[in-house]
């Protein structure tokens, strides 16, 4: 049987991904548009990770929306010759979808 991640574990992974997206433009040398997209997405992910008062359904919906936005931004950046940034955002989007599927969406009382 596969063990699902708890909400605190989900938040820790999400925070790590957010910080990585904020750092990526400086480490990998993204252009201005890619820098803006990556840092914005990172800030949103970090904010989601740190918000423990959101209803679970809202957090699930936000995760799905962020993943879709990351994948759309990845396509746009890759089309604009920002292939490294596109790859990073595509990986982050796929990771966010996988994280949502691997999470046990219940709070312990």
PDB file of N, CA and C in Angstrom:
ATOM      1  N   UNK A   1       0.831  -1.178   0.000  1.00  0.00           N
ATOM      2  CA  UNK A   1       0.000   0.000   0.000  1.00  0.00           C
ATOM      3  C   UNK A   1       0.880   1.248   0.000  1.00  0.00           C
ATOM      4  N   UNK A   2       0.516   2.210  -0.815  1.00  0.00           N
ATOM      5  CA  UNK A   2       1.287   3.437  -0.939  1.00  0.00           C
ATOM      6  C   UNK A   2       0.861   4.416   0.151  1.00  0.00           C
ATOM      7  N   UNK A   3       1.818   4.982   0.821  1.00  0.00           N
ATOM      8  CA  UNK A   3       1.544   5.961   1.867  1.00  0.00           C
ATOM      9  C   UNK A   3       1.354   7.330   1.243  1.00  0.00           C
ATOM     10  N   UNK A   4       0.295   8.007   1.601  1.00  0.00           N
ATOM     11  CA  UNK A   4       0.038   9.358   1.093  1.00  0.00           C
ATOM     12  C   UNK A   4       0.653  10.381   2.037  1.00  0.00           C
ATOM     13  N   UNK A   5       0.997  11.526   1.487  1.00  0.00           N
ATOM     14  CA  UNK A   5       1.584  12.602   2.281  1.00  0.00           C
ATOM     15  C   UNK A   5       0.521  13.286   3.126  1.00  0.00           C
ATOM     16  N   UNK A   6       0.888  13.681   4.327  1.00  0.00           N
ATOM     17  CA  UNK A   6      -0.005  14.457   5.174  1.00  0.00           C
ATOM     18  C   UNK A   6      -0.006  15.909   4.686  1.00  0.00           C
ATOM     19  N   UNK A   7      -0.934  16.695   5.174  1.00  0.00           N
ATOM     20  CA  UNK A   7      -0.967  18.109   4.779  1.00  0.00           C
ATOM     21  C   UNK A   7       0.294  18.872   5.194  1.00  0.00           C
ATOM     22  N   UNK A   8       0.855  18.639   6.401  1.00  0.00           N
ATOM     23  CA  UNK A   8       2.122  19.317   6.724  1.00  0.00           C
ATOM     24  C   UNK A   8       3.269  18.902   5.787  1.00  0.00           C
ATOM     25  N   UNK A   9       3.311  17.630   5.414  1.00  0.00           N
ATOM     26  CA  UNK A   9       4.342  17.183   4.468  1.00  0.00           C
ATOM     27  C   UNK A   9       4.118  17.816   3.101  1.00  0.00           C
ATOM     28  N   UNK A  10       2.861  17.888   2.672  1.00  0.00           N
ATOM     29  CA  UNK A  10       2.510  18.544   1.415  1.00  0.00           C
ATOM     30  C   UNK A  10       2.997  19.991   1.449  1.00  0.00           C
ATOM     31  N   UNK A  11       2.724  20.676   2.555  1.00  0.00           N
ATOM     32  CA  UNK A  11       3.151  22.065   2.688  1.00  0.00           C
ATOM     33  C   UNK A  11       4.662  22.231   2.633  1.00  0.00           C
ATOM     34  N   UNK A  12       5.387  21.305   3.244  1.00  0.00           N
ATOM     35  CA  UNK A  12       6.850  21.387   3.232  1.00  0.00           C
ATOM     36  C   UNK A  12       7.401  21.228   1.820  1.00  0.00           C
ATOM     37  N   UNK A  13       6.859  20.271   1.069  1.00  0.00           N
ATOM     38  CA  UNK A  13       7.305  20.071  -0.311  1.00  0.00           C
ATOM     39  C   UNK A  13       6.941  21.284  -1.160  1.00  0.00           C
ATOM     40  N   UNK A  14       5.738  21.810  -0.945  1.00  0.00           N
ATOM     41  CA  UNK A  14       5.285  22.973  -1.708  1.00  0.00           C
ATOM     42  C   UNK A  14       6.149  24.207  -1.402  1.00  0.00           C
ATOM     43  N   UNK A  15       6.516  24.385  -0.147  1.00  0.00           N
ATOM     44  CA  UNK A  15       7.379  25.510   0.230  1.00  0.00           C
ATOM     45  C   UNK A  15       8.750  25.368  -0.426  1.00  0.00           C
ATOM     46  N   UNK A  16       9.289  24.170  -0.416  1.00  0.00           N
ATOM     47  CA  UNK A  16      10.584  23.922  -1.054  1.00  0.00           C
ATOM     48  C   UNK A  16      10.523  24.231  -2.551  1.00  0.00           C
ATOM     49  N   UNK A  17       9.434  23.804  -3.203  1.00  0.00           N
ATOM     50  CA  UNK A  17       9.268  24.087  -4.636  1.00  0.00           C
ATOM     51  C   UNK A  17       9.146  25.582  -4.881  1.00  0.00           C
ATOM     52  N   UNK A  18       8.424  26.281  -4.013  1.00  0.00           N
ATOM     53  CA  UNK A  18       8.282  27.727  -4.161  1.00  0.00           C
ATOM     54  C   UNK A  18       9.614  28.452  -4.043  1.00  0.00           C
ATOM     55  N   UNK A  19      10.384  28.081  -3.047  1.00  0.00           N
ATOM     56  CA  UNK A  19      11.705  28.704  -2.863  1.00  0.00           C
ATOM     57  C   UNK A  19      12.611  28.379  -4.044  1.00  0.00           C
ATOM     58  N   UNK A  20      12.537  27.151  -4.550  1.00  0.00           N
ATOM     59  CA  UNK A  20      13.350  26.773  -5.713  1.00  0.00           C
ATOM     60  C   UNK A  20      12.966  27.598  -6.944  1.00  0.00           C
ATOM     61  N   UNK A  21      11.669  27.847  -7.140  1.00  0.00           N
ATOM     62  CA  UNK A  21      11.240  28.674  -8.277  1.00  0.00           C
ATOM     63  C   UNK A  21      11.687  30.120  -8.124  1.00  0.00           C
ATOM     64  N   UNK A  22      11.747  30.606  -6.894  1.00  0.00           N
ATOM     65  CA  UNK A  22      12.225  31.974  -6.670  1.00  0.00           C
ATOM     66  C   UNK A  22      13.728  32.069  -6.949  1.00  0.00           C
ATOM     67  N   UNK A  23      14.475  31.037  -6.606  1.00  0.00           N
ATOM     68  CA  UNK A  23      15.929  31.054  -6.797  1.00  0.00           C
ATOM     69  C   UNK A  23      16.351  30.720  -8.225  1.00  0.00           C
ATOM     70  N   UNK A  24      15.548  29.940  -8.933  1.00  0.00           N
ATOM     71  CA  UNK A  24      15.924  29.433 -10.258  1.00  0.00           C
ATOM     72  C   UNK A  24      16.361  30.508 -11.252  1.00  0.00           C
ATOM     73  N   UNK A  25      15.678  31.648 -11.355  1.00  0.00           N
ATOM     74  CA  UNK A  25      16.106  32.638 -12.344  1.00  0.00           C
ATOM     75  C   UNK A  25      17.529  33.146 -12.124  1.00  0.00           C
ATOM     76  N   UNK A  26      17.934  33.225 -10.868  1.00  0.00           N
ATOM     77  CA  UNK A  26      19.272  33.733 -10.564  1.00  0.00           C
ATOM     78  C   UNK A  26      20.331  32.662 -10.796  1.00  0.00           C
ATOM     79  N   UNK A  27      19.990  31.433 -10.499  1.00  0.00           N
ATOM     80  CA  UNK A  27      20.933  30.330 -10.674  1.00  0.00           C
ATOM     81  C   UNK A  27      21.081  29.960 -12.145  1.00  0.00           C
ATOM     82  N   UNK A  28      19.966  29.992 -12.886  1.00  0.00           N
ATOM     83  CA  UNK A  28      19.960  29.509 -14.267  1.00  0.00           C
ATOM     84  C   UNK A  28      19.971  30.617 -15.312  1.00  0.00           C
ATOM     85  N   UNK A  29      19.940  31.870 -14.897  1.00  0.00           N
ATOM     86  CA  UNK A  29      20.059  32.988 -15.833  1.00  0.00           C
ATOM     87  C   UNK A  29      18.855  33.196 -16.732  1.00  0.00           C
ATOM     88  N   UNK A  30      17.651  33.189 -16.179  1.00  0.00           N
ATOM     89  CA  UNK A  30      16.445  33.418 -16.975  1.00  0.00           C
ATOM     90  C   UNK A  30      16.404  34.847 -17.478  1.00  0.00           C
ATOM     91  N   UNK A  31      15.688  35.050 -18.584  1.00  0.00           N
ATOM     92  CA  UNK A  31      15.417  36.387 -19.084  1.00  0.00           C
ATOM     93  C   UNK A  31      14.351  37.065 -18.234  1.00  0.00           C
ATOM     94  N   UNK A  32      14.054  38.342 -18.542  1.00  0.00           N
ATOM     95  CA  UNK A  32      13.111  39.102 -17.709  1.00  0.00           C
ATOM     96  C   UNK A  32      11.722  38.472 -17.581  1.00  0.00           C
ATOM     97  N   UNK A  33      11.135  38.022 -18.671  1.00  0.00           N
ATOM     98  CA  UNK A  33       9.791  37.433 -18.608  1.00  0.00           C
ATOM     99  C   UNK A  33       9.804  36.142 -17.799  1.00  0.00           C
ATOM    100  N   UNK A  34      10.809  35.325 -18.008  1.00  0.00           N
ATOM    101  CA  UNK A  34      10.918  34.065 -17.276  1.00  0.00           C
ATOM    102  C   UNK A  34      11.187  34.320 -15.795  1.00  0.00           C
ATOM    103  N   UNK A  35      11.986  35.333 -15.489  1.00  0.00           N
ATOM    104  CA  UNK A  35      12.248  35.700 -14.106  1.00  0.00           C
ATOM    105  C   UNK A  35      10.944  36.085 -13.410  1.00  0.00           C
ATOM    106  N   UNK A  36      10.148  36.911 -14.063  1.00  0.00           N
ATOM    107  CA  UNK A  36       8.880  37.350 -13.493  1.00  0.00           C
ATOM    108  C   UNK A  36       7.930  36.164 -13.285  1.00  0.00           C
ATOM    109  N   UNK A  37       7.819  35.311 -14.282  1.00  0.00           N
ATOM    110  CA  UNK A  37       6.918  34.155 -14.178  1.00  0.00           C
ATOM    111  C   UNK A  37       7.364  33.200 -13.066  1.00  0.00           C
ATOM    112  N   UNK A  38       8.647  32.920 -13.005  1.00  0.00           N
ATOM    113  CA  UNK A  38       9.160  31.970 -12.023  1.00  0.00           C
ATOM    114  C   UNK A  38       9.044  32.515 -10.605  1.00  0.00           C
ATOM    115  N   UNK A  39       9.390  33.761 -10.415  1.00  0.00           N
ATOM    116  CA  UNK A  39       9.323  34.339  -9.076  1.00  0.00           C
ATOM    117  C   UNK A  39       7.882  34.493  -8.602  1.00  0.00           C
ATOM    118  N   UNK A  40       6.991  34.862  -9.503  1.00  0.00           N
ATOM    119  CA  UNK A  40       5.579  34.976  -9.140  1.00  0.00           C
ATOM    120  C   UNK A  40       5.021  33.618  -8.741  1.00  0.00           C
ATOM    121  N   UNK A  41       5.286  32.612  -9.554  1.00  0.00           N
ATOM    122  CA  UNK A  41       4.814  31.265  -9.241  1.00  0.00           C
ATOM    123  C   UNK A  41       5.409  30.771  -7.929  1.00  0.00           C
ATOM    124  N   UNK A  42       6.673  31.047  -7.694  1.00  0.00           N
ATOM    125  CA  UNK A  42       7.310  30.639  -6.444  1.00  0.00           C
ATOM    126  C   UNK A  42       6.688  31.290  -5.232  1.00  0.00           C
ATOM    127  N   UNK A  43       6.384  32.578  -5.356  1.00  0.00           N
ATOM    128  CA  UNK A  43       5.756  33.297  -4.240  1.00  0.00           C
ATOM    129  C   UNK A  43       4.356  32.743  -3.961  1.00  0.00           C
ATOM    130  N   UNK A  44       3.615  32.436  -5.019  1.00  0.00           N
ATOM    131  CA  UNK A  44       2.273  31.877  -4.839  1.00  0.00           C
ATOM    132  C   UNK A  44       2.354  30.501  -4.177  1.00  0.00           C
ATOM    133  N   UNK A  45       3.273  29.667  -4.640  1.00  0.00           N
ATOM    134  CA  UNK A  45       3.429  28.334  -4.037  1.00  0.00           C
ATOM    135  C   UNK A  45       3.847  28.434  -2.570  1.00  0.00           C
ATOM    136  N   UNK A  46       4.779  29.318  -2.273  1.00  0.00           N
ATOM    137  CA  UNK A  46       5.212  29.478  -0.886  1.00  0.00           C
ATOM    138  C   UNK A  46       4.056  29.973  -0.022  1.00  0.00           C
ATOM    139  N   UNK A  47       3.277  30.896  -0.556  1.00  0.00           N
ATOM    140  CA  UNK A  47       2.112  31.383   0.180  1.00  0.00           C
ATOM    141  C   UNK A  47       1.098  30.285   0.447  1.00  0.00           C
ATOM    142  N   UNK A  48       0.839  29.447  -0.562  1.00  0.00           N
ATOM    143  CA  UNK A  48      -0.071  28.313  -0.364  1.00  0.00           C
ATOM    144  C   UNK A  48       0.476  27.353   0.691  1.00  0.00           C
ATOM    145  N   UNK A  49       1.764  27.127   0.651  1.00  0.00           N
ATOM    146  CA  UNK A  49       2.381  26.190   1.592  1.00  0.00           C
ATOM    147  C   UNK A  49       2.245  26.676   3.032  1.00  0.00           C
ATOM    148  N   UNK A  50       2.303  27.975   3.215  1.00  0.00           N
ATOM    149  CA  UNK A  50       2.284  28.537   4.566  1.00  0.00           C
ATOM    150  C   UNK A  50       0.885  28.844   5.077  1.00  0.00           C
ATOM    151  N   UNK A  51      -0.129  28.688   4.243  1.00  0.00           N
ATOM    152  CA  UNK A  51      -1.495  29.022   4.663  1.00  0.00           C
ATOM    153  C   UNK A  51      -2.207  27.780   5.183  1.00  0.00           C
ATOM    154  N   UNK A  52      -2.227  27.635   6.488  1.00  0.00           N
ATOM    155  CA  UNK A  52      -2.870  26.459   7.071  1.00  0.00           C
ATOM    156  C   UNK A  52      -4.334  26.709   7.426  1.00  0.00           C
ATOM    157  N   UNK A  53      -4.845  27.908   7.155  1.00  0.00           N
ATOM    158  CA  UNK A  53      -6.240  28.209   7.473  1.00  0.00           C
ATOM    159  C   UNK A  53      -7.168  28.069   6.271  1.00  0.00           C
ATOM    160  N   UNK A  54      -6.608  27.827   5.095  1.00  0.00           N
ATOM    161  CA  UNK A  54      -7.456  27.639   3.911  1.00  0.00           C
ATOM    162  C   UNK A  54      -8.287  26.365   4.048  1.00  0.00           C
ATOM    163  N   UNK A  55      -9.534  26.398   3.606  1.00  0.00           N
ATOM    164  CA  UNK A  55     -10.275  25.137   3.542  1.00  0.00           C
ATOM    165  C   UNK A  55      -9.567  24.172   2.583  1.00  0.00           C
ATOM    166  N   UNK A  56      -9.662  22.899   2.863  1.00  0.00           N
ATOM    167  CA  UNK A  56      -8.959  21.898   2.062  1.00  0.00           C
ATOM    168  C   UNK A  56      -9.376  21.971   0.599  1.00  0.00           C
ATOM    169  N   UNK A  57     -10.669  22.140   0.352  1.00  0.00           N
ATOM    170  CA  UNK A  57     -11.135  22.193  -1.042  1.00  0.00           C
ATOM    171  C   UNK A  57     -10.547  23.398  -1.773  1.00  0.00           C
ATOM    172  N   UNK A  58     -10.382  24.504  -1.081  1.00  0.00           N
ATOM    173  CA  UNK A  58      -9.782  25.696  -1.688  1.00  0.00           C
ATOM    174  C   UNK A  58      -8.315  25.451  -2.016  1.00  0.00           C
ATOM    175  N   UNK A  59      -7.605  24.806  -1.104  1.00  0.00           N
ATOM    176  CA  UNK A  59      -6.191  24.515  -1.345  1.00  0.00           C
ATOM    177  C   UNK A  59      -6.040  23.559  -2.524  1.00  0.00           C
ATOM    178  N   UNK A  60      -6.906  22.552  -2.589  1.00  0.00           N
ATOM    179  CA  UNK A  60      -6.854  21.610  -3.714  1.00  0.00           C
ATOM    180  C   UNK A  60      -7.094  22.331  -5.040  1.00  0.00           C
ATOM    181  N   UNK A  61      -8.094  23.205  -5.061  1.00  0.00           N
ATOM    182  CA  UNK A  61      -8.400  23.947  -6.288  1.00  0.00           C
ATOM    183  C   UNK A  61      -7.255  24.884  -6.651  1.00  0.00           C
ATOM    184  N   UNK A  62      -6.678  25.546  -5.665  1.00  0.00           N
ATOM    185  CA  UNK A  62      -5.554  26.452  -5.925  1.00  0.00           C
ATOM    186  C   UNK A  62      -4.356  25.682  -6.472  1.00  0.00           C
ATOM    187  N   UNK A  63      -4.083  24.517  -5.911  1.00  0.00           N
ATOM    188  CA  UNK A  63      -2.978  23.688  -6.410  1.00  0.00           C
ATOM    189  C   UNK A  63      -3.184  23.312  -7.868  1.00  0.00           C
ATOM    190  N   UNK A  64      -4.406  22.929  -8.210  1.00  0.00           N
ATOM    191  CA  UNK A  64      -4.704  22.544  -9.591  1.00  0.00           C
ATOM    192  C   UNK A  64      -4.560  23.740 -10.525  1.00  0.00           C
ATOM    193  N   UNK A  65      -5.060  24.894 -10.101  1.00  0.00           N
ATOM    194  CA  UNK A  65      -4.942  26.106 -10.915  1.00  0.00           C
ATOM    195  C   UNK A  65      -3.480  26.499 -11.102  1.00  0.00           C
ATOM    196  N   UNK A  66      -2.704  26.469 -10.036  1.00  0.00           N
ATOM    197  CA  UNK A  66      -1.281  26.827 -10.126  1.00  0.00           C
ATOM    198  C   UNK A  66      -0.548  25.866 -11.059  1.00  0.00           C
ATOM    199  N   UNK A  67      -0.847  24.589 -10.968  1.00  0.00           N
ATOM    200  CA  UNK A  67      -0.207  23.607 -11.857  1.00  0.00           C
ATOM    201  C   UNK A  67      -0.543  23.907 -13.311  1.00  0.00           C
ATOM    202  N   UNK A  68      -1.806  24.197 -13.592  1.00  0.00           N
ATOM    203  CA  UNK A  68      -2.210  24.519 -14.968  1.00  0.00           C
ATOM    204  C   UNK A  68      -1.531  25.804 -15.444  1.00  0.00           C
ATOM    205  N   UNK A  69      -1.456  26.804 -14.575  1.00  0.00           N
ATOM    206  CA  UNK A  69      -0.802  28.064 -14.937  1.00  0.00           C
ATOM    207  C   UNK A  69       0.695  27.853 -15.187  1.00  0.00           C
ATOM    208  N   UNK A  70       1.331  27.014 -14.372  1.00  0.00           N
ATOM    209  CA  UNK A  70       2.753  26.717 -14.580  1.00  0.00           C
ATOM    210  C   UNK A  70       2.968  26.039 -15.929  1.00  0.00           C
ATOM    211  N   UNK A  71       2.112  25.095 -16.278  1.00  0.00           N
ATOM    212  CA  UNK A  71       2.255  24.401 -17.557  1.00  0.00           C
ATOM    213  C   UNK A  71       2.004  25.346 -18.732  1.00  0.00           C
ATOM    214  N   UNK A  72       1.016  26.233 -18.607  1.00  0.00           N
ATOM    215  CA  UNK A  72       0.749  27.214 -19.667  1.00  0.00           C
ATOM    216  C   UNK A  72       1.920  28.189 -19.814  1.00  0.00           C
ATOM    217  N   UNK A  73       2.460  28.645 -18.691  1.00  0.00           N
ATOM    218  CA  UNK A  73       3.611  29.546 -18.740  1.00  0.00           C
ATOM    219  C   UNK A  73       4.823  28.843 -19.344  1.00  0.00           C
ATOM    220  N   UNK A  74       4.977  27.560 -19.048  1.00  0.00           N
ATOM    221  CA  UNK A  74       6.093  26.793 -19.606  1.00  0.00           C
ATOM    222  C   UNK A  74       6.010  26.747 -21.127  1.00  0.00           C
ATOM    223  N   UNK A  75       4.814  26.526 -21.646  1.00  0.00           N
ATOM    224  CA  UNK A  75       4.626  26.494 -23.103  1.00  0.00           C
ATOM    225  C   UNK A  75       4.937  27.856 -23.709  1.00  0.00           C
ATOM    226  N   UNK A  76       4.437  28.912 -23.077  1.00  0.00           N
ATOM    227  CA  UNK A  76       4.666  30.265 -23.593  1.00  0.00           C
ATOM    228  C   UNK A  76       6.156  30.619 -23.568  1.00  0.00           C
ATOM    229  N   UNK A  77       6.834  30.279 -22.487  1.00  0.00           N
ATOM    230  CA  UNK A  77       8.264  30.594 -22.393  1.00  0.00           C
ATOM    231  C   UNK A  77       9.084  29.775 -23.379  1.00  0.00           C
ATOM    232  N   UNK A  78       8.744  28.518 -23.540  1.00  0.00           N
ATOM    233  CA  UNK A  78       9.469  27.690 -24.507  1.00  0.00           C
ATOM    234  C   UNK A  78       9.277  28.232 -25.918  1.00  0.00           C
ATOM    235  N   UNK A  79       8.077  28.717 -26.224  1.00  0.00           N
ATOM    236  CA  UNK A  79       7.813  29.297 -27.544  1.00  0.00           C
ATOM    237  C   UNK A  79       8.583  30.596 -27.750  1.00  0.00           C
ATOM    238  N   UNK A  80       8.918  31.275 -26.654  1.00  0.00           N
ATOM    239  CA  UNK A  80       9.671  32.524 -26.725  1.00  0.00           C
ATOM    240  C   UNK A  80      11.178  32.295 -26.566  1.00  0.00           C
ATOM    241  N   UNK A  81      11.641  31.084 -26.835  1.00  0.00           N
ATOM    242  CA  UNK A  81      13.060  30.714 -26.764  1.00  0.00           C
ATOM    243  C   UNK A  81      13.650  30.768 -25.356  1.00  0.00           C
ATOM    244  N   UNK A  82      12.813  30.657 -24.341  1.00  0.00           N
ATOM    245  CA  UNK A  82      13.288  30.516 -22.957  1.00  0.00           C
ATOM    246  C   UNK A  82      13.106  29.048 -22.583  1.00  0.00           C
ATOM    247  N   UNK A  83      13.855  28.176 -23.282  1.00  0.00           N
ATOM    248  CA  UNK A  83      13.627  26.743 -23.133  1.00  0.00           C
ATOM    249  C   UNK A  83      13.992  26.209 -21.748  1.00  0.00           C
ATOM    250  N   UNK A  84      15.041  26.737 -21.147  1.00  0.00           N
ATOM    251  CA  UNK A  84      15.418  26.277 -19.804  1.00  0.00           C
ATOM    252  C   UNK A  84      14.327  26.664 -18.812  1.00  0.00           C
ATOM    253  N   UNK A  85      13.881  27.902 -18.876  1.00  0.00           N
ATOM    254  CA  UNK A  85      12.816  28.355 -17.980  1.00  0.00           C
ATOM    255  C   UNK A  85      11.534  27.575 -18.238  1.00  0.00           C
ATOM    256  N   UNK A  86      11.233  27.327 -19.502  1.00  0.00           N
ATOM    257  CA  UNK A  86      10.055  26.535 -19.834  1.00  0.00           C
ATOM    258  C   UNK A  86      10.132  25.139 -19.242  1.00  0.00           C
ATOM    259  N   UNK A  87      11.291  24.544 -19.320  1.00  0.00           N
ATOM    260  CA  UNK A  87      11.480  23.213 -18.737  1.00  0.00           C
ATOM    261  C   UNK A  87      11.330  23.213 -17.228  1.00  0.00           C
ATOM    262  N   UNK A  88      11.875  24.239 -16.580  1.00  0.00           N
ATOM    263  CA  UNK A  88      11.767  24.337 -15.123  1.00  0.00           C
ATOM    264  C   UNK A  88      10.309  24.499 -14.710  1.00  0.00           C
ATOM    265  N   UNK A  89       9.579  25.388 -15.395  1.00  0.00           N
ATOM    266  CA  UNK A  89       8.172  25.603 -15.039  1.00  0.00           C
ATOM    267  C   UNK A  89       7.321  24.378 -15.383  1.00  0.00           C
ATOM    268  N   UNK A  90       7.638  23.685 -16.467  1.00  0.00           N
ATOM    269  CA  UNK A  90       6.913  22.459 -16.806  1.00  0.00           C
ATOM    270  C   UNK A  90       7.141  21.397 -15.725  1.00  0.00           C
ATOM    271  N   UNK A  91       8.369  21.263 -15.280  1.00  0.00           N
ATOM    272  CA  UNK A  91       8.665  20.302 -14.212  1.00  0.00           C
ATOM    273  C   UNK A  91       7.946  20.683 -12.916  1.00  0.00           C
ATOM    274  N   UNK A  92       7.911  21.975 -12.621  1.00  0.00           N
ATOM    275  CA  UNK A  92       7.210  22.429 -11.415  1.00  0.00           C
ATOM    276  C   UNK A  92       5.710  22.168 -11.523  1.00  0.00           C
ATOM    277  N   UNK A  93       5.138  22.406 -12.695  1.00  0.00           N
ATOM    278  CA  UNK A  93       3.713  22.142 -12.892  1.00  0.00           C
ATOM    279  C   UNK A  93       3.389  20.668 -12.761  1.00  0.00           C
ATOM    280  N   UNK A  94       4.196  19.827 -13.382  1.00  0.00           N
ATOM    281  CA  UNK A  94       3.986  18.379 -13.274  1.00  0.00           C
ATOM    282  C   UNK A  94       4.182  17.918 -11.830  1.00  0.00           C
ATOM    283  N   UNK A  95       5.165  18.504 -11.172  1.00  0.00           N
ATOM    284  CA  UNK A  95       5.404  18.165  -9.770  1.00  0.00           C
ATOM    285  C   UNK A  95       4.249  18.569  -8.873  1.00  0.00           C
ATOM    286  N   UNK A  96       3.669  19.706  -9.152  1.00  0.00           N
ATOM    287  CA  UNK A  96       2.526  20.181  -8.356  1.00  0.00           C
ATOM    288  C   UNK A  96       1.319  19.253  -8.549  1.00  0.00           C
ATOM    289  N   UNK A  97       1.093  18.811  -9.778  1.00  0.00           N
ATOM    290  CA  UNK A  97       0.014  17.845 -10.021  1.00  0.00           C
ATOM    291  C   UNK A  97       0.279  16.529  -9.286  1.00  0.00           C
ATOM    292  N   UNK A  98       1.513  16.053  -9.351  1.00  0.00           N
ATOM    293  CA  UNK A  98       1.872  14.807  -8.669  1.00  0.00           C
ATOM    294  C   UNK A  98       1.747  14.955  -7.156  1.00  0.00           C
ATOM    295  N   UNK A  99       2.132  16.110  -6.641  1.00  0.00           N
ATOM    296  CA  UNK A  99       2.031  16.361  -5.206  1.00  0.00           C
ATOM    297  C   UNK A  99       0.573  16.306  -4.753  1.00  0.00           C
ATOM    298  N   UNK A 100      -0.300  16.909  -5.539  1.00  0.00           N
ATOM    299  CA  UNK A 100      -1.718  16.873  -5.203  1.00  0.00           C
ATOM    300  C   UNK A 100      -2.271  15.460  -5.182  1.00  0.00           C
ATOM    301  N   UNK A 101      -1.836  14.650  -6.138  1.00  0.00           N
ATOM    302  CA  UNK A 101      -2.317  13.264  -6.196  1.00  0.00           C
ATOM    303  C   UNK A 101      -1.740  12.403  -5.076  1.00  0.00           C
ATOM    304  N   UNK A 102      -0.580  12.798  -4.557  1.00  0.00           N
ATOM    305  CA  UNK A 102       0.080  12.009  -3.518  1.00  0.00           C
ATOM    306  C   UNK A 102      -0.290  12.453  -2.111  1.00  0.00           C
ATOM    307  N   UNK A 103      -1.199  13.408  -1.993  1.00  0.00           N
ATOM    308  CA  UNK A 103      -1.533  13.968  -0.694  1.00  0.00           C
ATOM    309  C   UNK A 103      -2.813  13.350  -0.135  1.00  0.00           C
ATOM    310  N   UNK A 104      -2.822  13.100   1.139  1.00  0.00           N
ATOM    311  CA  UNK A 104      -4.022  12.675   1.871  1.00  0.00           C
ATOM    312  C   UNK A 104      -4.702  13.953   2.348  1.00  0.00           C
ATOM    313  N   UNK A 105      -5.779  14.326   1.702  1.00  0.00           N
ATOM    314  CA  UNK A 105      -6.413  15.626   1.913  1.00  0.00           C
ATOM    315  C   UNK A 105      -7.363  15.613   3.109  1.00  0.00           C
ATOM    316  N   UNK A 106      -6.830  15.311   4.263  1.00  0.00           N
ATOM    317  CA  UNK A 106      -7.616  15.354   5.502  1.00  0.00           C
ATOM    318  C   UNK A 106      -6.781  16.010   6.593  1.00  0.00           C
ATOM    319  N   UNK A 107      -7.467  16.660   7.495  1.00  0.00           N
ATOM    320  CA  UNK A 107      -6.789  17.254   8.653  1.00  0.00           C
ATOM    321  C   UNK A 107      -7.025  16.361   9.855  1.00  0.00           C
ATOM    322  N   UNK A 108      -5.998  16.200  10.642  1.00  0.00           N
ATOM    323  CA  UNK A 108      -6.143  15.448  11.891  1.00  0.00           C
ATOM    324  C   UNK A 108      -6.797  16.357  12.925  1.00  0.00           C
ATOM    325  N   UNK A 109      -7.660  15.806  13.699  1.00  0.00           N
ATOM    326  CA  UNK A 109      -8.387  16.597  14.692  1.00  0.00           C
ATOM    327  C   UNK A 109      -7.722  16.534  16.034  1.00  0.00           C
TER     328      UNK A 109
END
